[in-house]
Amino acid sequence: EEVVVVGYLMTRLRQLGNTLPVVIAASAILRGSYHLYQGIGAFVGNAVMGVVFALFFLRTKRVMPLVVAHTLLDIVAFVGYALLKDHLPGWL
């Protein structure tokens, strides 16, 4: 995700003359959109994460820390769920 949605897309949109708010919004909305199958909460959460990641990329021009951050988030989510699933309410 980070290489394409942040690194490539944001760079290309800037090269095409788009403003920073448009570039950030496009990247964040695209990121959120392919999590819509998980519900509106996942869309919003991932779009917000997209804004944070976009701002980081604009400041540093580095994508690898974002790849590492995303990997760690996924590990925590999957491992955390596996460890806590027996203690969570049924609707989760």
Foldseek 3Di string as FASTA:
>chain_A
DLCPLAQPQLVVCVVVPDDPVVSLQSSLQVQLVVCCVVPPVSSVVSSVVSNVLNVVCVVPVDRVVVVVVVVVVVVCVVVVCVVCVVVDDPVD
